[in-house]
Amino acid sequence: MDTIIIQDLEVFYRVGVPDAERAQPQRLLITLELGLDFEPAAVADDLDKTIDYDALCRRLSAFGDDRGWKLIETLALAIADITITEFGARQVTVEVKKFILPNTRYVAVRVIRSRGE
């Protein structure tokens, strides 16, 4: 399987267990590894036969508008679902980094999902 990597897409979402933490969007970094077969796109040199990563990044940038999540685990699974169902990835690894705890660089979750899970 071939891979498209989107490293540290900066988004601003409302995430956190306490209501006060979700009151304002906070900076998150999202890394995606999108698994698919490049062969059809490469042979045809056709964007429609692969994943339009610009469109995916725009979709994810707007995904947090007017919504919030308590857990970054829930958010990561929602992003995996979008990537598979809307953009056609066969497999996706999603990592969400959150910068909330003092004395840590970040806290992150990582999920791996495949089509059909």
PDB file of N, CA and C in Angstrom:
ATOM      1  N   MET A   1       0.850  -1.178   0.000  1.00  0.00           N
ATOM      2  CA  MET A   1       0.000   0.000   0.000  1.00  0.00           C
ATOM      3  C   MET A   1       0.896   1.242   0.000  1.00  0.00           C
ATOM      4  N   ASP A   2       0.491   2.240  -0.773  1.00  0.00           N
ATOM      5  CA  ASP A   2       1.219   3.496  -0.868  1.00  0.00           C
ATOM      6  C   ASP A   2       0.652   4.466   0.170  1.00  0.00           C
ATOM      7  N   THR A   3       1.391   5.533   0.446  1.00  0.00           N
ATOM      8  CA  THR A   3       1.008   6.419   1.555  1.00  0.00           C
ATOM      9  C   THR A   3       1.153   7.887   1.183  1.00  0.00           C
ATOM     10  N   ILE A   4       0.129   8.664   1.484  1.00  0.00           N
ATOM     11  CA  ILE A   4       0.202  10.124   1.480  1.00  0.00           C
ATOM     12  C   ILE A   4       0.314  10.542   2.940  1.00  0.00           C
ATOM     13  N   ILE A   5       1.244  11.436   3.240  1.00  0.00           N
ATOM     14  CA  ILE A   5       1.441  11.901   4.618  1.00  0.00           C
ATOM     15  C   ILE A   5       1.149  13.400   4.694  1.00  0.00           C
ATOM     16  N   ILE A   6       0.291  13.760   5.603  1.00  0.00           N
ATOM     17  CA  ILE A   6       0.026  15.161   5.927  1.00  0.00           C
ATOM     18  C   ILE A   6       0.523  15.339   7.357  1.00  0.00           C
ATOM     19  N   GLN A   7       1.567  16.112   7.530  1.00  0.00           N
ATOM     20  CA  GLN A   7       2.243  16.234   8.823  1.00  0.00           C
ATOM     21  C   GLN A   7       1.860  17.537   9.513  1.00  0.00           C
ATOM     22  N   ASP A   8       1.288  17.425  10.699  1.00  0.00           N
ATOM     23  CA  ASP A   8       1.033  18.565  11.581  1.00  0.00           C
ATOM     24  C   ASP A   8       0.159  19.654  10.950  1.00  0.00           C
ATOM     25  N   LEU A   9      -0.984  19.255  10.422  1.00  0.00           N
ATOM     26  CA  LEU A   9      -1.981  20.222   9.968  1.00  0.00           C
ATOM     27  C   LEU A   9      -2.494  20.976  11.191  1.00  0.00           C
ATOM     28  N   GLU A  10      -2.347  22.289  11.179  1.00  0.00           N
ATOM     29  CA  GLU A  10      -2.775  23.108  12.312  1.00  0.00           C
ATOM     30  C   GLU A  10      -4.255  23.438  12.172  1.00  0.00           C
ATOM     31  N   VAL A  11      -5.011  23.084  13.194  1.00  0.00           N
ATOM     32  CA  VAL A  11      -6.439  23.385  13.249  1.00  0.00           C
ATOM     33  C   VAL A  11      -6.753  23.984  14.617  1.00  0.00           C
ATOM     34  N   PHE A  12      -7.916  24.587  14.720  1.00  0.00           N
ATOM     35  CA  PHE A  12      -8.367  25.162  15.986  1.00  0.00           C
ATOM     36  C   PHE A  12      -9.766  24.622  16.270  1.00  0.00           C
ATOM     37  N   TYR A  13      -9.849  23.697  17.244  1.00  0.00           N
ATOM     38  CA  TYR A  13     -11.098  23.030  17.597  1.00  0.00           C
ATOM     39  C   TYR A  13     -11.360  23.226  19.084  1.00  0.00           C
ATOM     40  N   ARG A  14     -12.611  23.051  19.443  1.00  0.00           N
ATOM     41  CA  ARG A  14     -13.019  23.080  20.852  1.00  0.00           C
ATOM     42  C   ARG A  14     -12.966  21.648  21.378  1.00  0.00           C
ATOM     43  N   VAL A  15     -11.971  21.367  22.205  1.00  0.00           N
ATOM     44  CA  VAL A  15     -11.764  20.020  22.723  1.00  0.00           C
ATOM     45  C   VAL A  15     -11.393  20.116  24.193  1.00  0.00           C
ATOM     46  N   GLY A  16     -12.005  19.261  25.016  1.00  0.00           N
ATOM     47  CA  GLY A  16     -11.645  19.194  26.424  1.00  0.00           C
ATOM     48  C   GLY A  16     -12.808  18.719  27.264  1.00  0.00           C
ATOM     49  N   VAL A  17     -12.495  18.054  28.325  1.00  0.00           N
ATOM     50  CA  VAL A  17     -13.545  17.540  29.210  1.00  0.00           C
ATOM     51  C   VAL A  17     -14.248  18.675  29.947  1.00  0.00           C
ATOM     52  N   PRO A  18     -13.526  19.605  30.579  1.00  0.00           N
ATOM     53  CA  PRO A  18     -14.240  20.694  31.260  1.00  0.00           C
ATOM     54  C   PRO A  18     -14.875  21.660  30.252  1.00  0.00           C
ATOM     55  N   ASP A  19     -16.045  22.153  30.576  1.00  0.00           N
ATOM     56  CA  ASP A  19     -16.721  23.126  29.715  1.00  0.00           C
ATOM     57  C   ASP A  19     -15.823  24.332  29.445  1.00  0.00           C
ATOM     58  N   ALA A  20     -15.090  24.777  30.451  1.00  0.00           N
ATOM     59  CA  ALA A  20     -14.230  25.945  30.296  1.00  0.00           C
ATOM     60  C   ALA A  20     -13.145  25.708  29.246  1.00  0.00           C
ATOM     61  N   GLU A  21     -12.658  24.483  29.156  1.00  0.00           N
ATOM     62  CA  GLU A  21     -11.623  24.180  28.164  1.00  0.00           C
ATOM     63  C   GLU A  21     -12.196  24.202  26.740  1.00  0.00           C
ATOM     64  N   ARG A  22     -13.455  23.832  26.599  1.00  0.00           N
ATOM     65  CA  ARG A  22     -14.111  23.835  25.287  1.00  0.00           C
ATOM     66  C   ARG A  22     -14.688  25.202  24.925  1.00  0.00           C
ATOM     67  N   ALA A  23     -14.586  26.171  25.819  1.00  0.00           N
ATOM     68  CA  ALA A  23     -15.199  27.480  25.579  1.00  0.00           C
ATOM     69  C   ALA A  23     -14.570  28.198  24.385  1.00  0.00           C
ATOM     70  N   GLN A  24     -13.287  28.005  24.177  1.00  0.00           N
ATOM     71  CA  GLN A  24     -12.579  28.640  23.062  1.00  0.00           C
ATOM     72  C   GLN A  24     -11.842  27.572  22.254  1.00  0.00           C
ATOM     73  N   PRO A  25     -11.770  27.746  20.939  1.00  0.00           N
ATOM     74  CA  PRO A  25     -10.984  26.797  20.145  1.00  0.00           C
ATOM     75  C   PRO A  25      -9.525  26.825  20.586  1.00  0.00           C
ATOM     76  N   GLN A  26      -8.905  25.668  20.561  1.00  0.00           N
ATOM     77  CA  GLN A  26      -7.491  25.583  20.908  1.00  0.00           C
ATOM     78  C   GLN A  26      -6.724  24.962  19.755  1.00  0.00           C
ATOM     79  N   ARG A  27      -5.466  25.272  19.705  1.00  0.00           N
ATOM     80  CA  ARG A  27      -4.589  24.784  18.641  1.00  0.00           C
ATOM     81  C   ARG A  27      -4.330  23.290  18.817  1.00  0.00           C
ATOM     82  N   LEU A  28      -4.532  22.561  17.724  1.00  0.00           N
ATOM     83  CA  LEU A  28      -4.207  21.137  17.655  1.00  0.00           C
ATOM     84  C   LEU A  28      -3.393  20.918  16.387  1.00  0.00           C
ATOM     85  N   LEU A  29      -2.576  19.888  16.390  1.00  0.00           N
ATOM     86  CA  LEU A  29      -1.874  19.470  15.184  1.00  0.00           C
ATOM     87  C   LEU A  29      -2.344  18.068  14.825  1.00  0.00           C
ATOM     88  N   ILE A  30      -2.690  17.882  13.566  1.00  0.00           N
ATOM     89  CA  ILE A  30      -3.185  16.593  13.084  1.00  0.00           C
ATOM     90  C   ILE A  30      -2.219  16.054  12.043  1.00  0.00           C
ATOM     91  N   THR A  31      -1.796  14.827  12.237  1.00  0.00           N
ATOM     92  CA  THR A  31      -0.982  14.133  11.248  1.00  0.00           C
ATOM     93  C   THR A  31      -1.775  12.960  10.720  1.00  0.00           C
ATOM     94  N   LEU A  32      -1.789  12.831   9.396  1.00  0.00           N
ATOM     95  CA  LEU A  32      -2.517  11.760   8.730  1.00  0.00           C
ATOM     96  C   LEU A  32      -1.556  10.962   7.856  1.00  0.00           C
ATOM     97  N   GLU A  33      -1.713   9.657   7.876  1.00  0.00           N
ATOM     98  CA  GLU A  33      -1.060   8.787   6.910  1.00  0.00           C
ATOM     99  C   GLU A  33      -2.177   8.048   6.189  1.00  0.00           C
ATOM    100  N   LEU A  34      -2.323   8.335   4.903  1.00  0.00           N
ATOM    101  CA  LEU A  34      -3.427   7.831   4.106  1.00  0.00           C
ATOM    102  C   LEU A  34      -2.925   6.700   3.219  1.00  0.00           C
ATOM    103  N   GLY A  35      -3.445   5.511   3.420  1.00  0.00           N
ATOM    104  CA  GLY A  35      -3.033   4.364   2.633  1.00  0.00           C
ATOM    105  C   GLY A  35      -3.953   4.134   1.453  1.00  0.00           C
ATOM    106  N   LEU A  36      -3.372   3.998   0.283  1.00  0.00           N
ATOM    107  CA  LEU A  36      -4.120   3.704  -0.925  1.00  0.00           C
ATOM    108  C   LEU A  36      -3.145   3.205  -1.988  1.00  0.00           C
ATOM    109  N   ASP A  37      -3.663   2.779  -3.114  1.00  0.00           N
ATOM    110  CA  ASP A  37      -2.853   2.326  -4.237  1.00  0.00           C
ATOM    111  C   ASP A  37      -2.684   3.497  -5.200  1.00  0.00           C
ATOM    112  N   PHE A  38      -1.445   3.943  -5.403  1.00  0.00           N
ATOM    113  CA  PHE A  38      -1.179   5.068  -6.301  1.00  0.00           C
ATOM    114  C   PHE A  38      -1.243   4.688  -7.780  1.00  0.00           C
ATOM    115  N   GLU A  39      -1.191   3.407  -8.087  1.00  0.00           N
ATOM    116  CA  GLU A  39      -1.065   2.958  -9.477  1.00  0.00           C
ATOM    117  C   GLU A  39      -2.103   3.579 -10.424  1.00  0.00           C
ATOM    118  N   PRO A  40      -3.412   3.523 -10.121  1.00  0.00           N
ATOM    119  CA  PRO A  40      -4.389   4.102 -11.056  1.00  0.00           C
ATOM    120  C   PRO A  40      -4.161   5.599 -11.300  1.00  0.00           C
ATOM    121  N   ALA A  41      -3.850   6.341 -10.249  1.00  0.00           N
ATOM    122  CA  ALA A  41      -3.613   7.784 -10.396  1.00  0.00           C
ATOM    123  C   ALA A  41      -2.328   8.050 -11.168  1.00  0.00           C
ATOM    124  N   ALA A  42      -1.291   7.279 -10.893  1.00  0.00           N
ATOM    125  CA  ALA A  42      -0.004   7.497 -11.544  1.00  0.00           C
ATOM    126  C   ALA A  42      -0.071   7.166 -13.036  1.00  0.00           C
ATOM    127  N   VAL A  43      -0.737   6.073 -13.372  1.00  0.00           N
ATOM    128  CA  VAL A  43      -0.852   5.674 -14.776  1.00  0.00           C
ATOM    129  C   VAL A  43      -1.621   6.740 -15.565  1.00  0.00           C
ATOM    130  N   ALA A  44      -2.716   7.224 -14.998  1.00  0.00           N
ATOM    131  CA  ALA A  44      -3.554   8.222 -15.685  1.00  0.00           C
ATOM    132  C   ALA A  44      -3.084   9.652 -15.429  1.00  0.00           C
ATOM    133  N   ASP A  45      -2.180   9.833 -14.459  1.00  0.00           N
ATOM    134  CA  ASP A  45      -1.748  11.164 -14.024  1.00  0.00           C
ATOM    135  C   ASP A  45      -2.976  12.026 -13.730  1.00  0.00           C
ATOM    136  N   ASP A  46      -3.886  11.455 -12.904  1.00  0.00           N
ATOM    137  CA  ASP A  46      -5.220  12.023 -12.696  1.00  0.00           C
ATOM    138  C   ASP A  46      -5.525  12.166 -11.207  1.00  0.00           C
ATOM    139  N   LEU A  47      -5.738  13.401 -10.772  1.00  0.00           N
ATOM    140  CA  LEU A  47      -6.055  13.678  -9.368  1.00  0.00           C
ATOM    141  C   LEU A  47      -7.317  12.966  -8.914  1.00  0.00           C
ATOM    142  N   ASP A  48      -8.270  12.773  -9.805  1.00  0.00           N
ATOM    143  CA  ASP A  48      -9.530  12.114  -9.434  1.00  0.00           C
ATOM    144  C   ASP A  48      -9.346  10.651  -9.051  1.00  0.00           C
ATOM    145  N   LYS A  49      -8.184  10.087  -9.308  1.00  0.00           N
ATOM    146  CA  LYS A  49      -7.932   8.682  -8.989  1.00  0.00           C
ATOM    147  C   LYS A  49      -7.064   8.513  -7.735  1.00  0.00           C
ATOM    148  N   THR A  50      -6.894   9.601  -7.013  1.00  0.00           N
ATOM    149  CA  THR A  50      -6.140   9.559  -5.760  1.00  0.00           C
ATOM    150  C   THR A  50      -6.891  10.413  -4.739  1.00  0.00           C
ATOM    151  N   ILE A  51      -6.248  10.717  -3.635  1.00  0.00           N
ATOM    152  CA  ILE A  51      -6.862  11.568  -2.606  1.00  0.00           C
ATOM    153  C   ILE A  51      -6.385  13.004  -2.801  1.00  0.00           C
ATOM    154  N   ASP A  52      -7.329  13.900  -2.928  1.00  0.00           N
ATOM    155  CA  ASP A  52      -7.028  15.319  -3.050  1.00  0.00           C
ATOM    156  C   ASP A  52      -6.698  15.832  -1.651  1.00  0.00           C
ATOM    157  N   TYR A  53      -5.418  15.861  -1.324  1.00  0.00           N
ATOM    158  CA  TYR A  53      -5.030  16.213   0.042  1.00  0.00           C
ATOM    159  C   TYR A  53      -5.287  17.674   0.363  1.00  0.00           C
ATOM    160  N   ASP A  54      -5.318  18.545  -0.653  1.00  0.00           N
ATOM    161  CA  ASP A  54      -5.686  19.933  -0.396  1.00  0.00           C
ATOM    162  C   ASP A  54      -7.152  20.015   0.044  1.00  0.00           C
ATOM    163  N   ALA A  55      -8.020  19.309  -0.658  1.00  0.00           N
ATOM    164  CA  ALA A  55      -9.442  19.292  -0.283  1.00  0.00           C
ATOM    165  C   ALA A  55      -9.637  18.689   1.105  1.00  0.00           C
ATOM    166  N   LEU A  56      -8.884  17.643   1.414  1.00  0.00           N
ATOM    167  CA  LEU A  56      -8.975  17.027   2.741  1.00  0.00           C
ATOM    168  C   LEU A  56      -8.543  18.017   3.823  1.00  0.00           C
ATOM    169  N   CYS A  57      -7.461  18.723   3.598  1.00  0.00           N
ATOM    170  CA  CYS A  57      -7.000  19.701   4.595  1.00  0.00           C
ATOM    171  C   CYS A  57      -8.020  20.818   4.788  1.00  0.00           C
ATOM    172  N   ARG A  58      -8.629  21.277   3.697  1.00  0.00           N
ATOM    173  CA  ARG A  58      -9.666  22.303   3.824  1.00  0.00           C
ATOM    174  C   ARG A  58     -10.871  21.767   4.591  1.00  0.00           C
ATOM    175  N   ARG A  59     -11.240  20.526   4.323  1.00  0.00           N
ATOM    176  CA  ARG A  59     -12.370  19.892   5.034  1.00  0.00           C
ATOM    177  C   ARG A  59     -12.087  19.820   6.521  1.00  0.00           C
ATOM    178  N   LEU A  60     -10.868  19.399   6.876  1.00  0.00           N
ATOM    179  CA  LEU A  60     -10.524  19.266   8.290  1.00  0.00           C
ATOM    180  C   LEU A  60     -10.370  20.626   8.965  1.00  0.00           C
ATOM    181  N   SER A  61      -9.896  21.622   8.247  1.00  0.00           N
ATOM    182  CA  SER A  61      -9.774  22.957   8.833  1.00  0.00           C
ATOM    183  C   SER A  61     -11.132  23.499   9.243  1.00  0.00           C
ATOM    184  N   ALA A  62     -12.160  23.183   8.478  1.00  0.00           N
ATOM    185  CA  ALA A  62     -13.520  23.660   8.770  1.00  0.00           C
ATOM    186  C   ALA A  62     -14.301  22.703   9.662  1.00  0.00           C
ATOM    187  N   PHE A  63     -13.781  21.510   9.893  1.00  0.00           N
ATOM    188  CA  PHE A  63     -14.505  20.469  10.617  1.00  0.00           C
ATOM    189  C   PHE A  63     -14.880  20.887  12.042  1.00  0.00           C
ATOM    190  N   GLY A  64     -14.083  21.720  12.662  1.00  0.00           N
ATOM    191  CA  GLY A  64     -14.336  22.125  14.042  1.00  0.00           C
ATOM    192  C   GLY A  64     -15.292  23.293  14.195  1.00  0.00           C
ATOM    193  N   ASP A  65     -15.711  23.872  13.072  1.00  0.00           N
ATOM    194  CA  ASP A  65     -16.629  25.009  13.148  1.00  0.00           C
ATOM    195  C   ASP A  65     -17.936  24.591  13.809  1.00  0.00           C
ATOM    196  N   ASP A  66     -18.333  25.320  14.837  1.00  0.00           N
ATOM    197  CA  ASP A  66     -19.635  25.122  15.501  1.00  0.00           C
ATOM    198  C   ASP A  66     -19.815  23.748  16.124  1.00  0.00           C
ATOM    199  N   ARG A  67     -18.754  23.123  16.573  1.00  0.00           N
ATOM    200  CA  ARG A  67     -18.877  21.844  17.289  1.00  0.00           C
ATOM    201  C   ARG A  67     -17.704  21.702  18.246  1.00  0.00           C
ATOM    202  N   GLY A  68     -17.831  20.725  19.119  1.00  0.00           N
ATOM    203  CA  GLY A  68     -16.769  20.462  20.075  1.00  0.00           C
ATOM    204  C   GLY A  68     -16.782  19.002  20.491  1.00  0.00           C
ATOM    205  N   TRP A  69     -15.700  18.577  21.100  1.00  0.00           N
ATOM    206  CA  TRP A  69     -15.541  17.208  21.571  1.00  0.00           C
ATOM    207  C   TRP A  69     -14.945  17.250  22.962  1.00  0.00           C
ATOM    208  N   LYS A  70     -15.323  16.314  23.789  1.00  0.00           N
ATOM    209  CA  LYS A  70     -14.693  16.188  25.099  1.00  0.00           C
ATOM    210  C   LYS A  70     -13.338  15.501  24.970  1.00  0.00           C
ATOM    211  N   LEU A  71     -13.279  14.471  24.149  1.00  0.00           N
ATOM    212  CA  LEU A  71     -12.069  13.648  24.058  1.00  0.00           C
ATOM    213  C   LEU A  71     -11.402  13.766  22.700  1.00  0.00           C
ATOM    214  N   ILE A  72     -10.077  13.854  22.682  1.00  0.00           N
ATOM    215  CA  ILE A  72      -9.376  13.829  21.399  1.00  0.00           C
ATOM    216  C   ILE A  72      -9.454  12.430  20.775  1.00  0.00           C
ATOM    217  N   GLU A  73      -9.747  11.428  21.582  1.00  0.00           N
ATOM    218  CA  GLU A  73      -9.964  10.085  21.040  1.00  0.00           C
ATOM    219  C   GLU A  73     -11.184  10.074  20.114  1.00  0.00           C
ATOM    220  N   THR A  74     -12.264  10.718  20.549  1.00  0.00           N
ATOM    221  CA  THR A  74     -13.480  10.817  19.745  1.00  0.00           C
ATOM    222  C   THR A  74     -13.204  11.589  18.461  1.00  0.00           C
ATOM    223  N   LEU A  75     -12.480  12.673  18.585  1.00  0.00           N
ATOM    224  CA  LEU A  75     -12.113  13.490  17.434  1.00  0.00           C
ATOM    225  C   LEU A  75     -11.283  12.691  16.435  1.00  0.00           C
ATOM    226  N   ALA A  76     -10.288  11.964  16.909  1.00  0.00           N
ATOM    227  CA  ALA A  76      -9.423  11.186  16.021  1.00  0.00           C
ATOM    228  C   ALA A  76     -10.224  10.151  15.235  1.00  0.00           C
ATOM    229  N   LEU A  77     -11.168   9.495  15.890  1.00  0.00           N
ATOM    230  CA  LEU A  77     -12.001   8.515  15.188  1.00  0.00           C
ATOM    231  C   LEU A  77     -12.906   9.191  14.152  1.00  0.00           C
ATOM    232  N   ALA A  78     -13.414  10.366  14.456  1.00  0.00           N
ATOM    233  CA  ALA A  78     -14.249  11.098  13.500  1.00  0.00           C
ATOM    234  C   ALA A  78     -13.435  11.496  12.268  1.00  0.00           C
ATOM    235  N   ILE A  79     -12.209  11.917  12.479  1.00  0.00           N
ATOM    236  CA  ILE A  79     -11.333  12.282  11.359  1.00  0.00           C
ATOM    237  C   ILE A  79     -11.015  11.050  10.513  1.00  0.00           C
ATOM    238  N   ALA A  80     -10.761   9.928  11.160  1.00  0.00           N
ATOM    239  CA  ALA A  80     -10.507   8.685  10.413  1.00  0.00           C
ATOM    240  C   ALA A  80     -11.709   8.334   9.551  1.00  0.00           C
ATOM    241  N   ASP A  81     -12.908   8.479  10.095  1.00  0.00           N
ATOM    242  CA  ASP A  81     -14.119   8.156   9.357  1.00  0.00           C
ATOM    243  C   ASP A  81     -14.280   9.062   8.135  1.00  0.00           C
ATOM    244  N   ILE A  82     -14.058  10.346   8.290  1.00  0.00           N
ATOM    245  CA  ILE A  82     -14.135  11.288   7.164  1.00  0.00           C
ATOM    246  C   ILE A  82     -13.149  10.900   6.074  1.00  0.00           C
ATOM    247  N   THR A  83     -11.937  10.575   6.486  1.00  0.00           N
ATOM    248  CA  THR A  83     -10.877  10.267   5.527  1.00  0.00           C
ATOM    249  C   THR A  83     -11.209   9.028   4.702  1.00  0.00           C
ATOM    250  N   ILE A  84     -11.801   8.048   5.343  1.00  0.00           N
ATOM    251  CA  ILE A  84     -12.157   6.815   4.639  1.00  0.00           C
ATOM    252  C   ILE A  84     -13.438   6.986   3.826  1.00  0.00           C
ATOM    253  N   THR A  85     -14.491   7.507   4.453  1.00  0.00           N
ATOM    254  CA  THR A  85     -15.789   7.554   3.767  1.00  0.00           C
ATOM    255  C   THR A  85     -15.892   8.657   2.720  1.00  0.00           C
ATOM    256  N   GLU A  86     -15.314   9.823   2.997  1.00  0.00           N
ATOM    257  CA  GLU A  86     -15.451  10.943   2.061  1.00  0.00           C
ATOM    258  C   GLU A  86     -14.307  11.041   1.057  1.00  0.00           C
ATOM    259  N   PHE A  87     -13.119  10.557   1.439  1.00  0.00           N
ATOM    260  CA  PHE A  87     -11.948  10.749   0.584  1.00  0.00           C
ATOM    261  C   PHE A  87     -11.368   9.443   0.041  1.00  0.00           C
ATOM    262  N   GLY A  88     -11.914   8.305   0.450  1.00  0.00           N
ATOM    263  CA  GLY A  88     -11.565   7.040  -0.169  1.00  0.00           C
ATOM    264  C   GLY A  88     -10.276   6.381   0.250  1.00  0.00           C
ATOM    265  N   ALA A  89      -9.709   6.782   1.393  1.00  0.00           N
ATOM    266  CA  ALA A  89      -8.504   6.093   1.859  1.00  0.00           C
ATOM    267  C   ALA A  89      -8.853   4.640   2.186  1.00  0.00           C
ATOM    268  N   ARG A  90      -7.966   3.733   1.870  1.00  0.00           N
ATOM    269  CA  ARG A  90      -8.175   2.331   2.248  1.00  0.00           C
ATOM    270  C   ARG A  90      -7.815   2.131   3.713  1.00  0.00           C
ATOM    271  N   GLN A  91      -6.821   2.881   4.168  1.00  0.00           N
ATOM    272  CA  GLN A  91      -6.389   2.835   5.566  1.00  0.00           C
ATOM    273  C   GLN A  91      -5.937   4.231   5.953  1.00  0.00           C
ATOM    274  N   VAL A  92      -6.108   4.563   7.219  1.00  0.00           N
ATOM    275  CA  VAL A  92      -5.652   5.867   7.691  1.00  0.00           C
ATOM    276  C   VAL A  92      -5.108   5.735   9.110  1.00  0.00           C
ATOM    277  N   THR A  93      -4.029   6.436   9.345  1.00  0.00           N
ATOM    278  CA  THR A  93      -3.511   6.643  10.692  1.00  0.00           C
ATOM    279  C   THR A  93      -3.716   8.116  10.998  1.00  0.00           C
ATOM    280  N   VAL A  94      -4.360   8.390  12.124  1.00  0.00           N
ATOM    281  CA  VAL A  94      -4.631   9.769  12.539  1.00  0.00           C
ATOM    282  C   VAL A  94      -3.960   9.983  13.887  1.00  0.00           C
ATOM    283  N   GLU A  95      -3.170  11.025  13.969  1.00  0.00           N
ATOM    284  CA  GLU A  95      -2.582  11.427  15.246  1.00  0.00           C
ATOM    285  C   GLU A  95      -3.041  12.855  15.528  1.00  0.00           C
ATOM    286  N   VAL A  96      -3.576  13.069  16.719  1.00  0.00           N
ATOM    287  CA  VAL A  96      -4.014  14.389  17.150  1.00  0.00           C
ATOM    288  C   VAL A  96      -3.161  14.801  18.347  1.00  0.00           C
ATOM    289  N   LYS A  97      -2.492  15.943  18.216  1.00  0.00           N
ATOM    290  CA  LYS A  97      -1.658  16.480  19.290  1.00  0.00           C
ATOM    291  C   LYS A  97      -2.377  17.660  19.933  1.00  0.00           C
ATOM    292  N   LYS A  98      -2.375  17.646  21.263  1.00  0.00           N
ATOM    293  CA  LYS A  98      -3.034  18.679  22.056  1.00  0.00           C
ATOM    294  C   LYS A  98      -1.994  19.258  23.013  1.00  0.00           C
ATOM    295  N   PHE A  99      -2.010  20.572  23.185  1.00  0.00           N
ATOM    296  CA  PHE A  99      -0.986  21.282  23.964  1.00  0.00           C
ATOM    297  C   PHE A  99      -1.622  21.889  25.206  1.00  0.00           C
ATOM    298  N   ILE A 100      -1.970  21.030  26.157  1.00  0.00           N
ATOM    299  CA  ILE A 100      -2.751  21.494  27.295  1.00  0.00           C
ATOM    300  C   ILE A 100      -2.065  21.280  28.635  1.00  0.00           C
ATOM    301  N   LEU A 101      -1.272  20.237  28.765  1.00  0.00           N
ATOM    302  CA  LEU A 101      -0.673  19.937  30.057  1.00  0.00           C
ATOM    303  C   LEU A 101       0.655  20.656  30.250  1.00  0.00           C
ATOM    304  N   PRO A 102       0.816  21.290  31.399  1.00  0.00           N
ATOM    305  CA  PRO A 102       2.111  21.911  31.674  1.00  0.00           C
ATOM    306  C   PRO A 102       3.185  20.828  31.796  1.00  0.00           C
ATOM    307  N   ASN A 103       4.387  21.214  31.531  1.00  0.00           N
ATOM    308  CA  ASN A 103       5.548  20.325  31.649  1.00  0.00           C
ATOM    309  C   ASN A 103       5.531  19.168  30.660  1.00  0.00           C
ATOM    310  N   THR A 104       4.730  19.304  29.591  1.00  0.00           N
ATOM    311  CA  THR A 104       4.767  18.331  28.498  1.00  0.00           C
ATOM    312  C   THR A 104       4.837  19.099  27.184  1.00  0.00           C
ATOM    313  N   ARG A 105       5.464  18.516  26.215  1.00  0.00           N
ATOM    314  CA  ARG A 105       5.471  19.127  24.885  1.00  0.00           C
ATOM    315  C   ARG A 105       4.072  19.059  24.289  1.00  0.00           C
ATOM    316  N   TYR A 106       3.444  17.891  24.397  1.00  0.00           N
ATOM    317  CA  TYR A 106       2.065  17.695  23.959  1.00  0.00           C
ATOM    318  C   TYR A 106       1.565  16.353  24.465  1.00  0.00           C
ATOM    319  N   VAL A 107       0.253  16.183  24.355  1.00  0.00           N
ATOM    320  CA  VAL A 107      -0.403  14.900  24.578  1.00  0.00           C
ATOM    321  C   VAL A 107      -1.003  14.516  23.237  1.00  0.00           C
ATOM    322  N   ALA A 108      -0.912  13.254  22.865  1.00  0.00           N
ATOM    323  CA  ALA A 108      -1.426  12.843  21.564  1.00  0.00           C
ATOM    324  C   ALA A 108      -2.148  11.514  21.664  1.00  0.00           C
ATOM    325  N   VAL A 109      -3.052  11.310  20.716  1.00  0.00           N
ATOM    326  CA  VAL A 109      -3.652   9.995  20.506  1.00  0.00           C
ATOM    327  C   VAL A 109      -3.401   9.627  19.050  1.00  0.00           C
ATOM    328  N   ARG A 110      -3.348   8.340  18.807  1.00  0.00           N
ATOM    329  CA  ARG A 110      -3.164   7.836  17.441  1.00  0.00           C
ATOM    330  C   ARG A 110      -4.138   6.684  17.227  1.00  0.00           C
ATOM    331  N   VAL A 111      -4.871   6.738  16.125  1.00  0.00           N
ATOM    332  CA  VAL A 111      -5.765   5.645  15.741  1.00  0.00           C
ATOM    333  C   VAL A 111      -5.407   5.191  14.346  1.00  0.00           C
ATOM    334  N   ILE A 112      -5.625   3.918  14.092  1.00  0.00           N
ATOM    335  CA  ILE A 112      -5.427   3.339  12.776  1.00  0.00           C
ATOM    336  C   ILE A 112      -6.721   2.632  12.410  1.00  0.00           C
ATOM    337  N   ARG A 113      -7.264   2.998  11.273  1.00  0.00           N
ATOM    338  CA  ARG A 113      -8.508   2.387  10.817  1.00  0.00           C
ATOM    339  C   ARG A 113      -8.373   2.040   9.339  1.00  0.00           C
ATOM    340  N   SER A 114      -9.107   0.983   8.961  1.00  0.00           N
ATOM    341  CA  SER A 114      -9.151   0.555   7.570  1.00  0.00           C
ATOM    342  C   SER A 114     -10.593   0.548   7.105  1.00  0.00           C
ATOM    343  N   ARG A 115     -10.767   0.638   5.822  1.00  0.00           N
ATOM    344  CA  ARG A 115     -12.111   0.570   5.250  1.00  0.00           C
ATOM    345  C   ARG A 115     -12.779  -0.729   5.709  1.00  0.00           C
ATOM    346  N   GLY A 116     -14.016  -0.619   6.163  1.00  0.00           N
ATOM    347  CA  GLY A 116     -14.743  -1.790   6.618  1.00  0.00           C
ATOM    348  C   GLY A 116     -14.698  -2.009   8.119  1.00  0.00           C
ATOM    349  N   GLU A 117     -13.915  -1.212   8.848  1.00  0.00           N
ATOM    350  CA  GLU A 117     -13.864  -1.357  10.325  1.00  0.00           C
ATOM    351  C   GLU A 117     -14.938  -0.512  10.953  1.00  0.00           C
TER     352      GLU A 117
END
